Amino acid sequence: MKPRILISMITVVSLCSVFFSPTAYATSVYNYKPGEYVVIVHGRSPNGRYSIASHGEGDLGVDNFHLYLMDAQTGKKIGPLEEVNEILDTGANAYYAKWSADSSQVSISYRVDRHAAVMIRYSIKGRRAYIISGPTPIDKLER
């Protein structure tokens, strides 16, 4: 085989491996085990009673993916945060929580597109999450 053809073949194979590899998607994905809930970034409330965790099924966690309000002490889910429904990522490290000091409110930020992120705010009362606002595009919040 001529060196020029060999180099061309290696280049094509290399490009295919880049374009078709999971890391080329630039998303955070995770293969959840059955019953596994992973706490998102800063997902544990300051008072230690609650956490926000992610869970999905199937390849890359895309089937039935949700964020959940969890009882942080028992590890049991309280309920899904249904408003988090337009997702790009399934990895817990792609979702960010910011709790109020008294753990009565939480804001969750995440990407809905490669270049677009949103934030949703919840009030936590009586072991339930109630939406306050959102999803609000983050770029509109910064202006």
C-alpha atoms as a PDB file:
ATOM      1  CA  MET A   1       0.000   0.000   0.000  1.00  0.00           C
ATOM      2  CA  LYS A   2       1.308   3.413  -0.918  1.00  0.00           C
ATOM      3  CA  PRO A   3       2.171   5.738   1.997  1.00  0.00           C
ATOM      4  CA  ARG A   4      -0.211   8.417   0.730  1.00  0.00           C
ATOM      5  CA  ILE A   5      -3.196   6.019   0.674  1.00  0.00           C
ATOM      6  CA  LEU A   6      -2.257   4.672   4.108  1.00  0.00           C
ATOM      7  CA  ILE A   7      -2.108   8.196   5.567  1.00  0.00           C
ATOM      8  CA  SER A   8      -5.505   9.005   3.999  1.00  0.00           C
ATOM      9  CA  MET A   9      -7.036   5.846   5.483  1.00  0.00           C
ATOM     10  CA  ILE A  10      -5.608   6.614   8.926  1.00  0.00           C
ATOM     11  CA  THR A  11      -6.968  10.148   8.699  1.00  0.00           C
ATOM     12  CA  VAL A  12     -10.462   8.913   7.778  1.00  0.00           C
ATOM     13  CA  VAL A  13     -10.478   6.350  10.609  1.00  0.00           C
ATOM     14  CA  SER A  14      -9.276   8.982  13.082  1.00  0.00           C
ATOM     15  CA  LEU A  15     -11.944  11.456  12.029  1.00  0.00           C
ATOM     16  CA  CYS A  16     -14.651   8.793  12.266  1.00  0.00           C
ATOM     17  CA  SER A  17     -13.559   7.886  15.765  1.00  0.00           C
ATOM     18  CA  VAL A  18     -13.767  11.545  16.794  1.00  0.00           C
ATOM     19  CA  PHE A  19     -17.148  12.186  15.179  1.00  0.00           C
ATOM     20  CA  PHE A  20     -18.773   8.994  16.398  1.00  0.00           C
ATOM     21  CA  SER A  21     -17.326   8.734  19.891  1.00  0.00           C
ATOM     22  CA  PRO A  22     -19.540   9.637  22.884  1.00  0.00           C
ATOM     23  CA  THR A  23     -17.117  12.362  23.971  1.00  0.00           C
ATOM     24  CA  ALA A  24     -17.559  14.149  20.657  1.00  0.00           C
ATOM     25  CA  TYR A  25     -21.098  15.038  21.645  1.00  0.00           C
ATOM     26  CA  ALA A  26     -19.745  17.344  24.372  1.00  0.00           C
ATOM     27  CA  THR A  27     -22.514  16.346  26.720  1.00  0.00           C
ATOM     28  CA  SER A  28     -22.369  14.869  30.168  1.00  0.00           C
ATOM     29  CA  VAL A  29     -23.956  11.431  30.133  1.00  0.00           C
ATOM     30  CA  TYR A  30     -24.146   8.675  32.701  1.00  0.00           C
ATOM     31  CA  ASN A  31     -25.293   5.051  32.685  1.00  0.00           C
ATOM     32  CA  TYR A  32     -27.312   4.750  35.890  1.00  0.00           C
ATOM     33  CA  LYS A  33     -27.582   1.459  37.704  1.00  0.00           C
ATOM     34  CA  PRO A  34     -31.106   0.374  38.688  1.00  0.00           C
ATOM     35  CA  GLY A  35     -32.126   2.352  41.750  1.00  0.00           C
ATOM     36  CA  GLU A  36     -29.067   4.634  41.575  1.00  0.00           C
ATOM     37  CA  TYR A  37     -29.668   8.341  42.235  1.00  0.00           C
ATOM     38  CA  VAL A  38     -26.690  10.690  41.934  1.00  0.00           C
ATOM     39  CA  VAL A  39     -26.651  14.026  43.782  1.00  0.00           C
ATOM     40  CA  ILE A  40     -26.077  16.991  41.449  1.00  0.00           C
ATOM     41  CA  VAL A  41     -23.399  19.650  42.009  1.00  0.00           C
ATOM     42  CA  HIS A  42     -24.106  21.416  45.342  1.00  0.00           C
ATOM     43  CA  GLY A  43     -27.301  19.373  45.518  1.00  0.00           C
ATOM     44  CA  ARG A  44     -27.355  18.804  49.273  1.00  0.00           C
ATOM     45  CA  SER A  45     -29.309  21.421  51.227  1.00  0.00           C
ATOM     46  CA  PRO A  46     -27.489  23.420  53.945  1.00  0.00           C
ATOM     47  CA  ASN A  47     -29.637  21.871  56.695  1.00  0.00           C
ATOM     48  CA  GLY A  48     -28.826  18.368  55.407  1.00  0.00           C
ATOM     49  CA  ARG A  49     -32.477  17.333  55.076  1.00  0.00           C
ATOM     50  CA  TYR A  50     -32.812  17.394  51.292  1.00  0.00           C
ATOM     51  CA  SER A  51     -30.843  16.775  48.144  1.00  0.00           C
ATOM     52  CA  ILE A  52     -31.442  17.062  44.433  1.00  0.00           C
ATOM     53  CA  ALA A  53     -30.411  13.929  42.549  1.00  0.00           C
ATOM     54  CA  SER A  54     -30.562  12.688  38.974  1.00  0.00           C
ATOM     55  CA  HIS A  55     -31.622   9.316  37.639  1.00  0.00           C
ATOM     56  CA  GLY A  56     -32.230   7.863  34.192  1.00  0.00           C
ATOM     57  CA  GLU A  57     -32.582   4.505  32.529  1.00  0.00           C
ATOM     58  CA  GLY A  58     -31.251   2.885  29.365  1.00  0.00           C
ATOM     59  CA  ASP A  59     -28.137   3.748  27.418  1.00  0.00           C
ATOM     60  CA  LEU A  60     -26.604   7.029  28.566  1.00  0.00           C
ATOM     61  CA  GLY A  61     -29.455   7.537  31.057  1.00  0.00           C
ATOM     62  CA  VAL A  62     -31.770   9.169  28.515  1.00  0.00           C
ATOM     63  CA  ASP A  63     -34.860   7.041  29.169  1.00  0.00           C
ATOM     64  CA  ASN A  64     -37.126   8.372  31.929  1.00  0.00           C
ATOM     65  CA  PHE A  65     -34.493  10.906  33.026  1.00  0.00           C
ATOM     66  CA  HIS A  66     -35.523  13.160  35.910  1.00  0.00           C
ATOM     67  CA  LEU A  67     -34.156  15.236  38.714  1.00  0.00           C
ATOM     68  CA  TYR A  68     -35.660  14.342  42.072  1.00  0.00           C
ATOM     69  CA  LEU A  69     -36.115  15.993  45.425  1.00  0.00           C
ATOM     70  CA  MET A  70     -34.664  13.444  47.819  1.00  0.00           C
ATOM     71  CA  ASP A  71     -34.625  12.897  51.557  1.00  0.00           C
ATOM     72  CA  ALA A  72     -30.878  13.309  52.111  1.00  0.00           C
ATOM     73  CA  GLN A  73     -30.915  11.391  55.375  1.00  0.00           C
ATOM     74  CA  THR A  74     -32.651   8.250  54.086  1.00  0.00           C
ATOM     75  CA  GLY A  75     -31.680   8.479  50.407  1.00  0.00           C
ATOM     76  CA  LYS A  76     -35.305   7.954  49.378  1.00  0.00           C
ATOM     77  CA  LYS A  77     -36.867  10.006  46.608  1.00  0.00           C
ATOM     78  CA  ILE A  78     -39.630  12.405  47.555  1.00  0.00           C
ATOM     79  CA  GLY A  79     -40.692  13.272  44.032  1.00  0.00           C
ATOM     80  CA  PRO A  80     -39.586  14.275  40.542  1.00  0.00           C
ATOM     81  CA  LEU A  81     -38.992  17.876  39.558  1.00  0.00           C
ATOM     82  CA  GLU A  82     -41.253  17.689  36.505  1.00  0.00           C
ATOM     83  CA  GLU A  83     -40.349  21.159  35.222  1.00  0.00           C
ATOM     84  CA  VAL A  84     -36.836  19.934  34.392  1.00  0.00           C
ATOM     85  CA  ASN A  85     -37.975  18.278  31.201  1.00  0.00           C
ATOM     86  CA  GLU A  86     -35.938  19.726  28.335  1.00  0.00           C
ATOM     87  CA  ILE A  87     -32.565  18.068  28.815  1.00  0.00           C
ATOM     88  CA  LEU A  88     -29.297  17.840  26.968  1.00  0.00           C
ATOM     89  CA  ASP A  89     -27.203  16.091  29.619  1.00  0.00           C
ATOM     90  CA  THR A  90     -27.907  13.103  31.839  1.00  0.00           C
ATOM     91  CA  GLY A  91     -24.839  13.292  34.066  1.00  0.00           C
ATOM     92  CA  ALA A  92     -25.364  14.732  37.540  1.00  0.00           C
ATOM     93  CA  ASN A  93     -22.289  16.941  37.091  1.00  0.00           C
ATOM     94  CA  ALA A  94     -24.155  18.993  34.457  1.00  0.00           C
ATOM     95  CA  TYR A  95     -26.807  20.235  36.914  1.00  0.00           C
ATOM     96  CA  TYR A  96     -26.106  22.885  39.536  1.00  0.00           C
ATOM     97  CA  ALA A  97     -28.086  23.703  42.654  1.00  0.00           C
ATOM     98  CA  LYS A  98     -27.930  26.866  44.719  1.00  0.00           C
ATOM     99  CA  TRP A  99     -29.773  26.619  48.016  1.00  0.00           C
ATOM    100  CA  SER A 100     -30.942  29.471  50.224  1.00  0.00           C
ATOM    101  CA  ALA A 101     -29.193  29.548  53.597  1.00  0.00           C
ATOM    102  CA  ASP A 102     -32.299  28.228  55.369  1.00  0.00           C
ATOM    103  CA  SER A 103     -32.880  25.447  52.778  1.00  0.00           C
ATOM    104  CA  SER A 104     -36.334  26.789  51.943  1.00  0.00           C
ATOM    105  CA  GLN A 105     -35.519  27.528  48.291  1.00  0.00           C
ATOM    106  CA  VAL A 106     -33.315  26.029  45.606  1.00  0.00           C
ATOM    107  CA  SER A 107     -32.366  27.185  42.121  1.00  0.00           C
ATOM    108  CA  ILE A 108     -31.302  24.601  39.563  1.00  0.00           C
ATOM    109  CA  SER A 109     -29.292  25.564  36.475  1.00  0.00           C
ATOM    110  CA  TYR A 110     -28.670  23.305  33.492  1.00  0.00           C
ATOM    111  CA  ARG A 111     -28.185  23.296  29.730  1.00  0.00           C
ATOM    112  CA  VAL A 112     -31.079  22.768  27.341  1.00  0.00           C
ATOM    113  CA  ASP A 113     -28.864  23.178  24.277  1.00  0.00           C
ATOM    114  CA  ARG A 114     -25.135  23.355  23.665  1.00  0.00           C
ATOM    115  CA  HIS A 115     -25.185  27.138  24.012  1.00  0.00           C
ATOM    116  CA  ALA A 116     -28.294  27.728  26.111  1.00  0.00           C
ATOM    117  CA  ALA A 117     -28.836  27.252  29.822  1.00  0.00           C
ATOM    118  CA  VAL A 118     -31.876  27.800  32.015  1.00  0.00           C
ATOM    119  CA  MET A 119     -32.627  28.169  35.692  1.00  0.00           C
ATOM    120  CA  ILE A 120     -35.652  26.986  37.648  1.00  0.00           C
ATOM    121  CA  ARG A 121     -36.420  28.140  41.208  1.00  0.00           C
ATOM    122  CA  TYR A 122     -38.321  26.051  43.736  1.00  0.00           C
ATOM    123  CA  SER A 123     -39.689  26.631  47.190  1.00  0.00           C
ATOM    124  CA  ILE A 124     -39.373  23.647  49.531  1.00  0.00           C
ATOM    125  CA  LYS A 125     -42.317  23.336  51.938  1.00  0.00           C
ATOM    126  CA  GLY A 126     -43.687  20.297  53.723  1.00  0.00           C
ATOM    127  CA  ARG A 127     -41.287  17.916  51.937  1.00  0.00           C
ATOM    128  CA  ARG A 128     -42.483  19.113  48.521  1.00  0.00           C
ATOM    129  CA  ALA A 129     -40.946  21.307  45.817  1.00  0.00           C
ATOM    130  CA  TYR A 130     -43.142  24.099  44.443  1.00  0.00           C
ATOM    131  CA  ILE A 131     -42.048  26.029  41.391  1.00  0.00           C
ATOM    132  CA  ILE A 132     -41.400  29.744  41.938  1.00  0.00           C
ATOM    133  CA  SER A 133     -40.119  30.626  38.474  1.00  0.00           C
ATOM    134  CA  GLY A 134     -38.649  29.209  35.310  1.00  0.00           C
ATOM    135  CA  PRO A 135     -37.390  27.753  33.273  1.00  0.00           C
ATOM    136  CA  THR A 136     -35.761  31.120  32.636  1.00  0.00           C
ATOM    137  CA  PRO A 137     -32.922  31.480  30.119  1.00  0.00           C
ATOM    138  CA  ILE A 138     -29.774  32.335  32.039  1.00  0.00           C
ATOM    139  CA  ASP A 139     -28.577  34.921  29.512  1.00  0.00           C
ATOM    140  CA  LYS A 140     -31.710  36.972  30.290  1.00  0.00           C
ATOM    141  CA  LEU A 141     -30.924  36.819  34.016  1.00  0.00           C
ATOM    142  CA  GLU A 142     -27.466  38.331  33.522  1.00  0.00           C
ATOM    143  CA  ARG A 143     -28.587  41.407  31.598  1.00  0.00           C
END
